[in-house]
Amino acid sequence: MSTAELTSSQAPPEAAAPARRGSKYFLRRLAANRRTAIAGGFLLLVGLAALLAPLIAPHDYRDIVGKPLTQGGVLGVDDFGRDVLSRLLIGLRTSLAVALSAVVIAGVLGTALGLVAGYGSRLVSGVIMRGIDILLSFPPIVLAIAVVAAMGPALINVVMVIGVLYIPRFTRIVYSQVLAIRHVEYVEASEVMGTRRSTILLRTILPNVAAPVIVQLSLSVSFAIQMEAGLSFLGLGAQPPLPSLGTMVGAGRDFLEVQPSLLIYPSVLIILLVLALNVFGDGLRDLLDPRRRGTDS
């Protein structure tokens, strides 16, 4: 086989097709799925609201703007007389920041471990995957509560704990994908050409396992939001006066009979966020699946 033939075989057909089609094809197929498009639009609006929260919030989330537990303002005021809408926007910003930071940590470390385990020696693979199995043997929420309680309630501790707990999700996905493609022609061609192993991992294998990682990123954000909300509900996350969706749910439960909206607003927002992320993740999975792309070609 000539050098030109080896070079041309490094990109698999299913990976090359989307590259030729470009972003317009991707967006057209994304918009064609109504549920995915609606979920994506909602997430875009929520992301913008969280990003611009300090600018669009009617008041500072710490300011007392009215009589406690009244309907003043757009969504009323809480038990301390603070504007609920302002705190909801800042709480959304806090929860998303924690979830996204944790998922980025999990995604980067988990993907790196999966690549090394899948393409490394049997010893390296065994050590990494047995460590992942040990981490998976603990119930995530119980382990998170124990670790955060021991480290102390702080957002940075919540980010680190959630990030570590979700590493196995990415490691297992990437590991299985690497095992599936490590002996295909375009990988073996790179090896025959004398390409460094690190280069093969980053330039040949990683781009071809990116699709399931992207899908897992979307789905993991929804789980991370729920985990952060649970920890904050228990008082282990954001500390007063900084709000998060979980702390607002925890504070609102004490006034369920007096002003149920304090509990309803953050709870509904969490539900909608998780639902939208799951629907969008499912849509991405269908869109990035090479078998489904082949049927739509």
Protein backbone atom coordinates (compact mmCIF):
# COMPACT_ATOMS: atom_id res chain seq x y z
CA MET A 1 0.00 0.00 0.00
CA SER A 2 1.41 3.40 -0.97
CA THR A 3 1.85 6.37 1.34
CA ALA A 4 -0.95 8.23 -0.44
CA GLU A 5 -3.32 5.31 0.07
CA LEU A 6 -2.38 5.11 3.76
CA THR A 7 -2.99 8.80 4.23
CA SER A 8 -6.36 8.71 2.50
CA SER A 9 -7.51 5.82 4.66
CA GLN A 10 -7.00 7.65 7.97
CA ALA A 11 -10.41 9.32 7.90
CA PRO A 12 -13.38 6.95 8.11
CA PRO A 13 -16.17 7.48 5.57
CA GLU A 14 -18.81 8.23 8.19
CA ALA A 15 -16.62 10.93 9.75
CA ALA A 16 -15.76 12.53 6.41
CA ALA A 17 -19.35 12.88 5.23
CA PRO A 18 -20.51 15.36 7.89
CA ALA A 19 -17.38 17.43 7.36
CA ARG A 20 -18.29 17.85 3.67
CA ARG A 21 -21.87 18.71 4.49
CA GLY A 22 -20.87 21.43 6.91
CA SER A 23 -22.69 23.27 9.65
CA LYS A 24 -25.69 24.18 7.47
CA TYR A 25 -26.58 20.51 7.08
CA PHE A 26 -26.18 19.95 10.82
CA LEU A 27 -28.43 22.91 11.71
CA ARG A 28 -31.01 21.91 9.11
CA ARG A 29 -31.29 18.42 10.53
CA LEU A 30 -31.35 19.81 14.07
CA ALA A 31 -34.22 22.15 13.18
CA ALA A 32 -36.07 19.34 11.42
CA ASN A 33 -36.57 17.58 14.76
CA ARG A 34 -39.17 19.75 16.44
CA ARG A 35 -38.62 18.46 19.96
CA THR A 36 -34.86 18.90 19.75
CA ALA A 37 -35.25 22.38 18.24
CA ILE A 38 -37.66 23.47 20.99
CA ALA A 39 -35.40 22.06 23.69
CA GLY A 40 -32.37 23.75 22.12
CA GLY A 41 -34.19 27.07 21.88
CA PHE A 42 -35.26 26.86 25.52
CA LEU A 43 -31.71 26.03 26.62
CA LEU A 44 -30.38 28.96 24.59
CA LEU A 45 -32.80 31.34 26.30
CA VAL A 46 -31.98 29.92 29.73
CA GLY A 47 -28.25 30.19 29.01
CA LEU A 48 -28.59 33.82 27.97
CA ALA A 49 -30.70 34.59 31.04
CA ALA A 50 -28.07 33.02 33.29
CA LEU A 51 -25.22 34.78 31.52
CA LEU A 52 -26.91 38.18 31.70
CA ALA A 53 -28.51 37.63 35.12
CA PRO A 54 -26.66 40.48 36.92
CA LEU A 55 -27.74 42.88 34.15
CA ILE A 56 -31.38 41.86 33.68
CA ALA A 57 -32.26 41.15 37.32
CA PRO A 58 -34.63 43.87 38.60
CA HIS A 59 -32.77 44.14 41.92
CA ASP A 60 -29.64 42.94 43.64
CA TYR A 61 -30.36 39.46 44.99
CA ARG A 62 -29.38 40.65 48.51
CA ASP A 63 -31.55 43.78 48.62
CA ILE A 64 -34.72 43.96 50.69
CA VAL A 65 -37.34 45.39 48.35
CA GLY A 66 -40.64 44.81 50.15
CA LYS A 67 -42.61 43.24 52.95
CA PRO A 68 -41.71 39.56 53.43
CA LEU A 69 -43.95 36.93 51.81
CA THR A 70 -45.97 39.33 49.70
CA GLN A 71 -46.70 39.51 45.96
CA GLY A 72 -44.68 42.64 45.29
CA GLY A 73 -42.56 42.70 42.15
CA VAL A 74 -42.91 40.29 39.23
CA LEU A 75 -42.77 36.99 41.15
CA GLY A 76 -43.17 38.28 44.68
CA VAL A 77 -40.68 38.55 47.54
CA ASP A 78 -39.28 35.88 49.84
CA ASP A 79 -39.30 35.53 53.62
CA PHE A 80 -36.57 38.18 53.95
CA GLY A 81 -38.27 40.64 51.59
CA ARG A 82 -35.90 39.98 48.67
CA ASP A 83 -37.07 39.95 45.06
CA VAL A 84 -37.78 36.36 43.96
CA LEU A 85 -37.18 36.96 40.24
CA SER A 86 -33.75 38.44 40.91
CA ARG A 87 -32.79 35.55 43.16
CA LEU A 88 -34.18 33.04 40.65
CA LEU A 89 -31.97 34.46 37.89
CA ILE A 90 -28.86 34.46 40.08
CA GLY A 91 -29.75 31.01 41.40
CA LEU A 92 -30.04 29.75 37.82
CA ARG A 93 -26.65 31.25 37.04
CA THR A 94 -25.11 29.59 40.11
CA SER A 95 -26.57 26.15 39.42
CA LEU A 96 -25.57 26.19 35.74
CA ALA A 97 -22.06 27.39 36.57
CA VAL A 98 -21.57 24.56 39.06
CA ALA A 99 -23.05 21.92 36.73
CA LEU A 100 -21.11 23.03 33.65
CA SER A 101 -17.82 23.32 35.54
CA ALA A 102 -18.25 19.86 37.04
CA VAL A 103 -19.15 18.29 33.68
CA VAL A 104 -16.15 19.91 31.98
CA ILE A 105 -13.87 18.44 34.63
CA ALA A 106 -15.52 15.03 34.26
CA GLY A 107 -15.46 15.20 30.47
CA VAL A 108 -11.79 16.14 30.15
CA LEU A 109 -10.47 13.69 32.76
CA GLY A 110 -12.86 10.90 31.81
CA THR A 111 -12.07 11.20 28.11
CA ALA A 112 -8.33 11.20 28.79
CA LEU A 113 -8.58 8.11 30.99
CA GLY A 114 -10.77 6.34 28.43
CA LEU A 115 -8.30 7.05 25.62
CA VAL A 116 -5.34 5.80 27.63
CA ALA A 117 -7.20 2.71 28.89
CA GLY A 118 -8.49 1.82 25.44
CA TYR A 119 -5.23 2.32 23.56
CA GLY A 120 -2.72 1.50 26.29
CA SER A 121 -1.30 -1.77 27.50
CA ARG A 122 -3.37 -4.43 29.24
CA LEU A 123 -1.83 -3.47 32.61
CA VAL A 124 -2.64 0.21 32.23
CA SER A 125 -6.14 -0.61 31.00
CA GLY A 126 -6.75 -2.95 33.92
CA VAL A 127 -5.61 -0.44 36.55
CA ILE A 128 -7.71 2.39 35.14
CA MET A 129 -10.88 0.38 34.59
CA ARG A 130 -10.70 -1.31 38.00
CA GLY A 131 -10.40 2.13 39.57
CA ILE A 132 -13.48 3.21 37.62
CA ASP A 133 -15.34 0.11 38.81
CA ILE A 134 -14.48 0.94 42.43
CA LEU A 135 -15.77 4.49 42.01
CA LEU A 136 -18.99 3.18 40.44
CA SER A 137 -19.57 0.82 43.38
CA PHE A 138 -20.56 3.74 45.63
CA PRO A 139 -24.01 5.37 45.35
CA PRO A 140 -23.23 8.82 43.86
CA ILE A 141 -25.49 10.95 46.06
CA VAL A 142 -24.38 9.18 49.27
CA LEU A 143 -20.71 9.55 48.38
CA ALA A 144 -21.23 13.19 47.38
CA ILE A 145 -22.95 14.01 50.69
CA ALA A 146 -20.23 12.28 52.68
CA VAL A 147 -17.33 13.94 50.86
CA VAL A 148 -18.82 17.45 50.78
CA ALA A 149 -19.80 17.20 54.44
CA ALA A 150 -16.23 16.20 55.30
CA MET A 151 -14.66 18.92 53.14
CA GLY A 152 -17.11 21.60 54.21
CA PRO A 153 -20.04 23.24 52.41
CA ALA A 154 -18.68 25.31 49.51
CA LEU A 155 -19.40 25.55 45.80
CA ILE A 156 -15.84 24.65 44.80
CA ASN A 157 -16.13 21.43 46.82
CA VAL A 158 -19.44 20.63 45.13
CA VAL A 159 -17.88 21.20 41.70
CA MET A 160 -14.93 18.92 42.44
CA VAL A 161 -17.05 16.14 43.93
CA ILE A 162 -19.61 16.11 41.11
CA GLY A 163 -16.81 16.28 38.55
CA VAL A 164 -15.05 13.24 40.03
CA LEU A 165 -18.29 11.27 40.39
CA TYR A 166 -19.12 11.68 36.70
CA ILE A 167 -15.67 10.73 35.37
CA PRO A 168 -16.67 7.04 35.02
CA ARG A 169 -19.50 7.91 32.61
CA PHE A 170 -17.06 9.40 30.12
CA THR A 171 -14.27 6.89 30.75
CA ARG A 172 -16.48 3.90 29.98
CA ILE A 173 -17.97 5.46 26.85
CA VAL A 174 -14.59 6.48 25.42
CA TYR A 175 -12.98 3.19 26.43
CA SER A 176 -15.59 1.14 24.57
CA GLN A 177 -15.36 3.38 21.50
CA VAL A 178 -11.56 3.16 21.39
CA LEU A 179 -11.69 -0.63 21.64
CA ALA A 180 -14.10 -0.67 18.71
CA ILE A 181 -11.90 1.42 16.37
CA ARG A 182 -8.31 0.79 17.47
CA HIS A 183 -7.87 -1.96 14.85
CA VAL A 184 -9.70 -0.35 11.92
CA GLU A 185 -7.78 0.56 8.77
CA TYR A 186 -7.23 4.27 9.32
CA VAL A 187 -5.75 3.68 12.81
CA GLU A 188 -3.53 0.84 11.63
CA ALA A 189 -2.44 2.99 8.68
CA SER A 190 -1.23 5.69 11.07
CA GLU A 191 0.70 3.08 13.05
CA VAL A 192 2.33 1.67 9.89
CA MET A 193 3.42 5.18 8.91
CA GLY A 194 5.25 5.50 12.25
CA THR A 195 2.96 8.13 13.74
CA ARG A 196 3.52 8.73 17.44
CA ARG A 197 0.97 7.08 19.74
CA SER A 198 0.01 10.40 21.30
CA THR A 199 -0.64 11.85 17.85
CA ILE A 200 -2.76 8.84 16.90
CA LEU A 201 -4.80 9.28 20.07
CA LEU A 202 -5.37 13.01 19.62
CA ARG A 203 -5.68 13.33 15.84
CA THR A 204 -7.00 9.97 14.67
CA ILE A 205 -8.92 8.32 17.50
CA LEU A 206 -10.25 11.27 19.53
CA PRO A 207 -12.17 12.93 16.63
CA ASN A 208 -13.91 9.61 15.97
CA VAL A 209 -15.09 9.15 19.55
CA ALA A 210 -16.18 12.78 19.95
CA ALA A 211 -19.84 12.24 19.01
CA PRO A 212 -20.83 10.08 22.00
CA VAL A 213 -18.79 12.33 24.29
CA ILE A 214 -20.72 15.38 23.10
CA VAL A 215 -24.01 13.60 23.73
CA GLN A 216 -22.86 12.52 27.18
CA LEU A 217 -21.86 16.11 28.00
CA SER A 218 -25.42 17.26 27.38
CA LEU A 219 -26.96 14.45 29.41
CA SER A 220 -24.45 14.80 32.25
CA VAL A 221 -25.28 18.49 32.73
CA SER A 222 -28.85 17.51 33.60
CA PHE A 223 -27.63 14.97 36.17
CA ALA A 224 -25.16 17.50 37.58
CA ILE A 225 -27.94 20.08 38.01
CA GLN A 226 -29.97 17.55 39.98
CA MET A 227 -26.94 16.62 42.09
CA GLU A 228 -26.13 20.27 42.84
CA ALA A 229 -29.76 20.97 43.69
CA GLY A 230 -29.82 18.02 46.09
CA LEU A 231 -26.62 19.05 47.85
CA SER A 232 -27.70 22.71 48.09
CA PHE A 233 -31.12 21.61 49.35
CA LEU A 234 -29.29 19.91 52.23
CA GLY A 235 -27.23 23.03 52.91
CA LEU A 236 -23.98 21.63 51.46
CA GLY A 237 -23.82 23.81 48.33
CA ALA A 238 -24.27 27.54 47.88
CA GLN A 239 -24.25 29.37 51.20
CA PRO A 240 -26.49 32.35 52.10
CA PRO A 241 -27.03 34.92 50.84
CA LEU A 242 -25.94 33.47 47.44
CA PRO A 243 -28.90 31.59 45.95
CA SER A 244 -28.98 28.47 43.83
CA LEU A 245 -32.00 26.57 42.60
CA GLY A 246 -31.47 23.93 45.29
CA THR A 247 -31.21 26.42 48.15
CA MET A 248 -34.35 28.21 46.93
CA VAL A 249 -36.26 24.91 46.96
CA GLY A 250 -34.98 24.21 50.46
CA ALA A 251 -35.97 27.68 51.70
CA GLY A 252 -39.36 27.56 50.00
CA ARG A 253 -40.49 24.28 51.59
CA ASP A 254 -40.92 26.03 54.95
CA PHE A 255 -43.51 28.39 53.43
CA LEU A 256 -45.44 25.90 51.29
CA GLU A 257 -48.76 26.76 52.90
CA VAL A 258 -48.15 30.51 53.17
CA GLN A 259 -46.59 31.20 49.75
CA PRO A 260 -46.14 28.02 47.67
CA SER A 261 -44.66 29.98 44.76
CA LEU A 262 -41.34 30.16 46.63
CA LEU A 263 -41.07 26.39 46.19
CA ILE A 264 -42.84 26.08 42.84
CA TYR A 265 -40.74 28.52 40.78
CA PRO A 266 -37.29 26.95 41.34
CA SER A 267 -38.72 23.41 41.26
CA VAL A 268 -40.41 23.96 37.89
CA LEU A 269 -37.25 25.56 36.51
CA ILE A 270 -35.18 22.52 37.56
CA ILE A 271 -37.71 20.16 35.96
CA LEU A 272 -37.77 22.13 32.70
CA LEU A 273 -33.98 22.34 32.58
CA VAL A 274 -33.51 18.61 33.12
CA LEU A 275 -36.24 17.75 30.62
CA ALA A 276 -34.83 20.08 27.95
CA LEU A 277 -31.27 18.77 28.43
CA ASN A 278 -32.42 15.15 28.14
CA VAL A 279 -34.52 15.84 25.03
CA PHE A 280 -31.68 17.81 23.44
CA GLY A 281 -29.18 15.09 24.31
CA ASP A 282 -31.39 12.43 22.73
CA GLY A 283 -31.72 14.57 19.61
CA LEU A 284 -27.95 15.01 19.39
CA ARG A 285 -27.46 11.27 19.77
CA ASP A 286 -29.79 10.60 16.84
CA LEU A 287 -28.19 13.33 14.78
CA LEU A 288 -24.61 12.20 15.39
CA ASP A 289 -25.30 8.49 15.00
CA PRO A 290 -23.48 7.39 11.79
CA ARG A 291 -26.11 4.72 11.09
CA ARG A 292 -28.93 7.27 11.13
CA ARG A 293 -26.85 9.69 9.05
CA GLY A 294 -26.42 6.96 6.51
CA THR A 295 -30.18 6.44 6.19
CA ASP A 296 -30.72 10.18 5.66
CA SER A 297 -28.00 10.64 3.04
